[in-house]
Structure formats: C-alpha cells, structure tokens
PDB file of N, CA and C in Angstrom:
ATOM      1  N   MET A   1      90.606  96.176 134.546  1.00  0.00           N
ATOM      2  CA  MET A   1      91.268  97.228 133.806  1.00  0.00           C
ATOM      3  C   MET A   1      90.270  98.324 133.466  1.00  0.00           C
ATOM      4  N   GLN A   2      90.793  99.486 133.227  1.00  0.00           N
ATOM      5  CA  GLN A   2      89.937 100.614 132.918  1.00  0.00           C
ATOM      6  C   GLN A   2      89.421 100.512 131.495  1.00  0.00           C
ATOM      7  N   GLU A   3      88.362 101.265 131.204  1.00  0.00           N
ATOM      8  CA  GLU A   3      87.774 101.236 129.876  1.00  0.00           C
ATOM      9  C   GLU A   3      88.515 102.113 128.882  1.00  0.00           C
ATOM     10  N   ASN A   4      89.303 103.074 129.348  1.00  0.00           N
ATOM     11  CA  ASN A   4      89.997 103.985 128.439  1.00  0.00           C
ATOM     12  C   ASN A   4      91.436 103.516 128.204  1.00  0.00           C
ATOM     13  N   LEU A   5      91.569 102.369 127.565  1.00  0.00           N
ATOM     14  CA  LEU A   5      92.881 101.821 127.253  1.00  0.00           C
ATOM     15  C   LEU A   5      93.467 102.521 126.036  1.00  0.00           C
ATOM     16  N   ILE A   6      94.771 102.607 125.987  1.00  0.00           N
ATOM     17  CA  ILE A   6      95.473 103.235 124.873  1.00  0.00           C
ATOM     18  C   ILE A   6      95.955 102.141 123.936  1.00  0.00           C
ATOM     19  N   CYS A   7      95.732 102.317 122.632  1.00  0.00           N
ATOM     20  CA  CYS A   7      96.269 101.404 121.632  1.00  0.00           C
ATOM     21  C   CYS A   7      97.579 101.999 121.142  1.00  0.00           C
ATOM     22  N   ALA A   8      98.627 101.182 121.138  1.00  0.00           N
ATOM     23  CA  ALA A   8      99.938 101.709 120.785  1.00  0.00           C
ATOM     24  C   ALA A   8     100.693 100.744 119.891  1.00  0.00           C
ATOM     25  N   THR A   9     101.525 101.312 119.033  1.00  0.00           N
ATOM     26  CA  THR A   9     102.455 100.522 118.244  1.00  0.00           C
ATOM     27  C   THR A   9     103.725 100.410 119.056  1.00  0.00           C
ATOM     28  N   ILE A  10     104.144  99.180 119.311  1.00  0.00           N
ATOM     29  CA  ILE A  10     105.291  98.966 120.182  1.00  0.00           C
ATOM     30  C   ILE A  10     106.431  98.359 119.388  1.00  0.00           C
ATOM     31  N   SER A  11     107.592  98.960 119.492  1.00  0.00           N
ATOM     32  CA  SER A  11     108.782  98.436 118.825  1.00  0.00           C
ATOM     33  C   SER A  11     109.528  97.539 119.801  1.00  0.00           C
ATOM     34  N   PRO A  12     109.794  96.300 119.412  1.00  0.00           N
ATOM     35  CA  PRO A  12     110.539  95.418 120.313  1.00  0.00           C
ATOM     36  C   PRO A  12     111.990  95.866 120.447  1.00  0.00           C
ATOM     37  N   LYS A  13     112.520  95.762 121.645  1.00  0.00           N
ATOM     38  CA  LYS A  13     113.906  96.129 121.918  1.00  0.00           C
ATOM     39  C   LYS A  13     114.560  94.947 122.618  1.00  0.00           C
ATOM     40  N   ASP A  14     115.506  94.318 121.954  1.00  0.00           N
ATOM     41  CA  ASP A  14     116.187  93.139 122.491  1.00  0.00           C
ATOM     42  C   ASP A  14     115.217  92.017 122.848  1.00  0.00           C
ATOM     43  N   GLY A  15     114.164  91.857 122.048  1.00  0.00           N
ATOM     44  CA  GLY A  15     113.198  90.790 122.286  1.00  0.00           C
ATOM     45  C   GLY A  15     112.120  91.130 123.300  1.00  0.00           C
ATOM     46  N   TRP A  16     112.081  92.357 123.776  1.00  0.00           N
ATOM     47  CA  TRP A  16     111.075  92.781 124.755  1.00  0.00           C
ATOM     48  C   TRP A  16     110.248  93.919 124.188  1.00  0.00           C
ATOM     49  N   ALA A  17     108.943  93.903 124.480  1.00  0.00           N
ATOM     50  CA  ALA A  17     108.070  95.027 124.137  1.00  0.00           C
ATOM     51  C   ALA A  17     108.210  96.052 125.256  1.00  0.00           C
ATOM     52  N   MET A  18     108.657  97.241 124.902  1.00  0.00           N
ATOM     53  CA  MET A  18     108.870  98.291 125.896  1.00  0.00           C
ATOM     54  C   MET A  18     107.640  99.190 125.975  1.00  0.00           C
ATOM     55  N   CYS A  19     107.419  99.797 127.112  1.00  0.00           N
ATOM     56  CA  CYS A  19     106.283 100.689 127.325  1.00  0.00           C
ATOM     57  C   CYS A  19     106.399 101.908 126.409  1.00  0.00           C
ATOM     58  N   PRO A  20     105.346 102.212 125.605  1.00  0.00           N
ATOM     59  CA  PRO A  20     105.416 103.384 124.732  1.00  0.00           C
ATOM     60  C   PRO A  20     105.292 104.707 125.492  1.00  0.00           C
ATOM     61  N   GLN A  21     104.818 104.670 126.725  1.00  0.00           N
ATOM     62  CA  GLN A  21     104.646 105.889 127.525  1.00  0.00           C
ATOM     63  C   GLN A  21     105.974 106.318 128.163  1.00  0.00           C
ATOM     64  N   CYS A  22     106.575 105.432 128.962  1.00  0.00           N
ATOM     65  CA  CYS A  22     107.807 105.795 129.667  1.00  0.00           C
ATOM     66  C   CYS A  22     109.059 105.284 128.966  1.00  0.00           C
ATOM     67  N   GLY A  23     108.937 104.244 128.125  1.00  0.00           N
ATOM     68  CA  GLY A  23     110.061 103.712 127.372  1.00  0.00           C
ATOM     69  C   GLY A  23     111.016 102.859 128.174  1.00  0.00           C
ATOM     70  N   LYS A  24     110.729 102.645 129.453  1.00  0.00           N
ATOM     71  CA  LYS A  24     111.652 101.901 130.307  1.00  0.00           C
ATOM     72  C   LYS A  24     111.072 100.589 130.803  1.00  0.00           C
ATOM     73  N   GLY A  25     109.768 100.499 130.938  1.00  0.00           N
ATOM     74  CA  GLY A  25     109.151  99.285 131.463  1.00  0.00           C
ATOM     75  C   GLY A  25     109.059  98.194 130.418  1.00  0.00           C
ATOM     76  N   LYS A  26     109.496  96.995 130.772  1.00  0.00           N
ATOM     77  CA  LYS A  26     109.369  95.844 129.880  1.00  0.00           C
ATOM     78  C   LYS A  26     107.963  95.274 130.060  1.00  0.00           C
ATOM     79  N   LEU A  27     107.191  95.263 128.977  1.00  0.00           N
ATOM     80  CA  LEU A  27     105.817  94.784 129.074  1.00  0.00           C
ATOM     81  C   LEU A  27     105.727  93.269 128.913  1.00  0.00           C
ATOM     82  N   LEU A  28     106.342  92.732 127.856  1.00  0.00           N
ATOM     83  CA  LEU A  28     106.357  91.296 127.659  1.00  0.00           C
ATOM     84  C   LEU A  28     107.437  90.901 126.680  1.00  0.00           C
ATOM     85  N   MET A  29     107.838  89.622 126.767  1.00  0.00           N
ATOM     86  CA  MET A  29     108.876  89.111 125.876  1.00  0.00           C
ATOM     87  C   MET A  29     108.248  88.739 124.542  1.00  0.00           C
ATOM     88  N   ILE A  30     108.925  89.115 123.442  1.00  0.00           N
ATOM     89  CA  ILE A  30     108.400  88.842 122.107  1.00  0.00           C
ATOM     90  C   ILE A  30     109.406  87.980 121.350  1.00  0.00           C
ATOM     91  N   LEU A  31     108.950  86.825 120.887  1.00  0.00           N
ATOM     92  CA  LEU A  31     109.768  85.957 120.041  1.00  0.00           C
ATOM     93  C   LEU A  31     109.477  86.300 118.586  1.00  0.00           C
ATOM     94  N   PRO A  32     110.328  85.874 117.644  1.00  0.00           N
ATOM     95  CA  PRO A  32     110.100  86.214 116.234  1.00  0.00           C
ATOM     96  C   PRO A  32     108.758  85.720 115.687  1.00  0.00           C
ATOM     97  N   ASP A  33     108.213  84.641 116.228  1.00  0.00           N
ATOM     98  CA  ASP A  33     106.950  84.114 115.721  1.00  0.00           C
ATOM     99  C   ASP A  33     105.764  84.441 116.630  1.00  0.00           C
ATOM    100  N   THR A  34     105.926  85.387 117.550  1.00  0.00           N
ATOM    101  CA  THR A  34     104.851  85.773 118.459  1.00  0.00           C
ATOM    102  C   THR A  34     103.749  86.515 117.708  1.00  0.00           C
ATOM    103  N   ALA A  35     102.496  86.110 117.948  1.00  0.00           N
ATOM    104  CA  ALA A  35     101.340  86.784 117.364  1.00  0.00           C
ATOM    105  C   ALA A  35     100.315  87.016 118.472  1.00  0.00           C
ATOM    106  N   VAL A  36      99.959  88.272 118.699  1.00  0.00           N
ATOM    107  CA  VAL A  36      99.011  88.645 119.755  1.00  0.00           C
ATOM    108  C   VAL A  36      98.089  89.720 119.204  1.00  0.00           C
ATOM    109  N   ARG A  37      96.828  89.657 119.593  1.00  0.00           N
ATOM    110  CA  ARG A  37      95.881  90.691 119.166  1.00  0.00           C
ATOM    111  C   ARG A  37      95.074  91.180 120.368  1.00  0.00           C
ATOM    112  N   ASN A  38      95.125  92.482 120.603  1.00  0.00           N
ATOM    113  CA  ASN A  38      94.381  93.153 121.673  1.00  0.00           C
ATOM    114  C   ASN A  38      94.647  92.559 123.050  1.00  0.00           C
ATOM    115  N   LEU A  39      95.905  92.421 123.397  1.00  0.00           N
ATOM    116  CA  LEU A  39      96.299  91.914 124.708  1.00  0.00           C
ATOM    117  C   LEU A  39      96.367  93.086 125.684  1.00  0.00           C
ATOM    118  N   PRO A  40      95.559  93.078 126.748  1.00  0.00           N
ATOM    119  CA  PRO A  40      95.655  94.155 127.740  1.00  0.00           C
ATOM    120  C   PRO A  40      96.947  94.001 128.543  1.00  0.00           C
ATOM    121  N   CYS A  41      97.674  95.087 128.702  1.00  0.00           N
ATOM    122  CA  CYS A  41      98.953  95.064 129.390  1.00  0.00           C
ATOM    123  C   CYS A  41      99.094  96.344 130.208  1.00  0.00           C
ATOM    124  N   LYS A  42      99.789  96.252 131.346  1.00  0.00           N
ATOM    125  CA  LYS A  42      99.978  97.416 132.207  1.00  0.00           C
ATOM    126  C   LYS A  42     101.451  97.545 132.556  1.00  0.00           C
ATOM    127  N   CYS A  43     102.002  98.743 132.379  1.00  0.00           N
ATOM    128  CA  CYS A  43     103.399  98.999 132.700  1.00  0.00           C
ATOM    129  C   CYS A  43     103.563  99.069 134.217  1.00  0.00           C
ATOM    130  N   LYS A  44     104.569  98.365 134.725  1.00  0.00           N
ATOM    131  CA  LYS A  44     104.816  98.352 136.168  1.00  0.00           C
ATOM    132  C   LYS A  44     105.423  99.664 136.656  1.00  0.00           C
ATOM    133  N   ARG A  45     106.092 100.389 135.758  1.00  0.00           N
ATOM    134  CA  ARG A  45     106.743 101.633 136.154  1.00  0.00           C
ATOM    135  C   ARG A  45     105.797 102.827 136.181  1.00  0.00           C
ATOM    136  N   CYS A  46     105.103 103.073 135.053  1.00  0.00           N
ATOM    137  CA  CYS A  46     104.267 104.279 134.967  1.00  0.00           C
ATOM    138  C   CYS A  46     102.786 103.994 135.199  1.00  0.00           C
ATOM    139  N   ARG A  47     102.411 102.731 135.335  1.00  0.00           N
ATOM    140  CA  ARG A  47     101.032 102.304 135.625  1.00  0.00           C
ATOM    141  C   ARG A  47     100.046 102.602 134.505  1.00  0.00           C
ATOM    142  N   GLN A  48     100.542 102.863 133.288  1.00  0.00           N
ATOM    143  CA  GLN A  48      99.672 103.124 132.144  1.00  0.00           C
ATOM    144  C   GLN A  48      99.210 101.784 131.563  1.00  0.00           C
ATOM    145  N   GLU A  49      97.962 101.722 131.113  1.00  0.00           N
ATOM    146  CA  GLU A  49      97.412 100.502 130.527  1.00  0.00           C
ATOM    147  C   GLU A  49      97.343 100.635 129.012  1.00  0.00           C
ATOM    148  N   PHE A  50      97.621  99.524 128.308  1.00  0.00           N
ATOM    149  CA  PHE A  50      97.669  99.511 126.855  1.00  0.00           C
ATOM    150  C   PHE A  50      97.006  98.264 126.307  1.00  0.00           C
ATOM    151  N   LEU A  51      96.555  98.346 125.066  1.00  0.00           N
ATOM    152  CA  LEU A  51      96.160  97.176 124.290  1.00  0.00           C
ATOM    153  C   LEU A  51      97.283  96.930 123.300  1.00  0.00           C
ATOM    154  N   ILE A  52      97.843  95.731 123.319  1.00  0.00           N
ATOM    155  CA  ILE A  52      98.987  95.423 122.478  1.00  0.00           C
ATOM    156  C   ILE A  52      98.589  94.474 121.360  1.00  0.00           C
ATOM    157  N   THR A  53      99.034  94.778 120.148  1.00  0.00           N
ATOM    158  CA  THR A  53      98.872  93.886 119.004  1.00  0.00           C
ATOM    159  C   THR A  53     100.259  93.647 118.419  1.00  0.00           C
ATOM    160  N   VAL A  54     100.645  92.366 118.338  1.00  0.00           N
ATOM    161  CA  VAL A  54     101.944  91.988 117.791  1.00  0.00           C
ATOM    162  C   VAL A  54     101.700  91.097 116.585  1.00  0.00           C
ATOM    163  N   VAL A  55     102.295  91.464 115.464  1.00  0.00           N
ATOM    164  CA  VAL A  55     102.193  90.690 114.227  1.00  0.00           C
ATOM    165  C   VAL A  55     103.552  90.077 113.963  1.00  0.00           C
ATOM    166  N   PRO A  56     103.635  88.756 113.756  1.00  0.00           N
ATOM    167  CA  PRO A  56     104.934  88.152 113.493  1.00  0.00           C
ATOM    168  C   PRO A  56     105.545  88.651 112.193  1.00  0.00           C
ATOM    169  N   VAL A  57     106.848  88.828 112.203  1.00  0.00           N
ATOM    170  CA  VAL A  57     107.560  89.292 111.020  1.00  0.00           C
ATOM    171  C   VAL A  57     107.965  88.071 110.205  1.00  0.00           C
ATOM    172  N   PRO A  58     107.538  88.006 108.931  1.00  0.00           N
ATOM    173  CA  PRO A  58     107.921  86.842 108.127  1.00  0.00           C
ATOM    174  C   PRO A  58     109.424  86.822 107.874  1.00  0.00           C
ATOM    175  N   GLU A  59     109.986  85.627 107.930  1.00  0.00           N
ATOM    176  CA  GLU A  59     111.420  85.487 107.697  1.00  0.00           C
ATOM    177  C   GLU A  59     111.717  85.657 106.215  1.00  0.00           C
ATOM    178  N   THR A  60     112.798  86.327 105.924  1.00  0.00           N
ATOM    179  CA  THR A  60     113.197  86.480 104.523  1.00  0.00           C
ATOM    180  C   THR A  60     114.150  85.353 104.173  1.00  0.00           C
ATOM    181  N   LYS A  61     113.857  84.693 103.086  1.00  0.00           N
ATOM    182  CA  LYS A  61     114.695  83.589 102.642  1.00  0.00           C
ATOM    183  C   LYS A  61     115.670  84.090 101.587  1.00  0.00           C
ATOM    184  N   VAL A  62     116.918  83.744 101.769  1.00  0.00           N
ATOM    185  CA  VAL A  62     117.943  84.150 100.821  1.00  0.00           C
ATOM    186  C   VAL A  62     118.151  82.992  99.851  1.00  0.00           C
ATOM    187  N   SER A  63     117.967  83.291  98.583  1.00  0.00           N
ATOM    188  CA  SER A  63     118.165  82.250  97.573  1.00  0.00           C
ATOM    189  C   SER A  63     119.578  82.355  97.011  1.00  0.00           C
ATOM    190  N   SER A  64     120.201  81.216  96.860  1.00  0.00           N
ATOM    191  CA  SER A  64     121.549  81.220  96.291  1.00  0.00           C
ATOM    192  C   SER A  64     121.471  81.107  94.775  1.00  0.00           C
ATOM    193  N   ALA A  65     122.277  81.877  94.112  1.00  0.00           N
ATOM    194  CA  ALA A  65     122.229  81.891  92.640  1.00  0.00           C
ATOM    195  C   ALA A  65     123.266  80.997  92.032  1.00  0.00           C
TER     196      ALA A  65
END
C-alpha cells in the first residue's frame, strides 16, 4: 500500500462500511460489536486507499419502571 493513506470517518450503511470517496464501494462488513483500529482498506471501485477505525457502539439498555 502507498504511504499517503487517507484517514476517514466511515458511516455504516446496512451493516457495511461504504467508501467515503465514491460512496458506492463496500469496504467491509461491520457487526454491532466490531472493533478495528487502523485497518488498511482499498475501494474496488475508485481504487482509493484508507485507514479505517471502527469503534463498537455500546448497546443501550432500557429499564422498566
């Protein structure tokens, strides 16, 4: 991979991390408990390279009153 990687915040769409450059390429599947730090990834559509960081979202517990 090249040395000039782009760091991007990626919003999951239907459980998939979409390419922040073109918005159409599926980079990887993300589950609710997925945790990744500095994962090099390359979009198959636009050929742009990224470093991906995914932080798991804590589940909210609903308490009954």
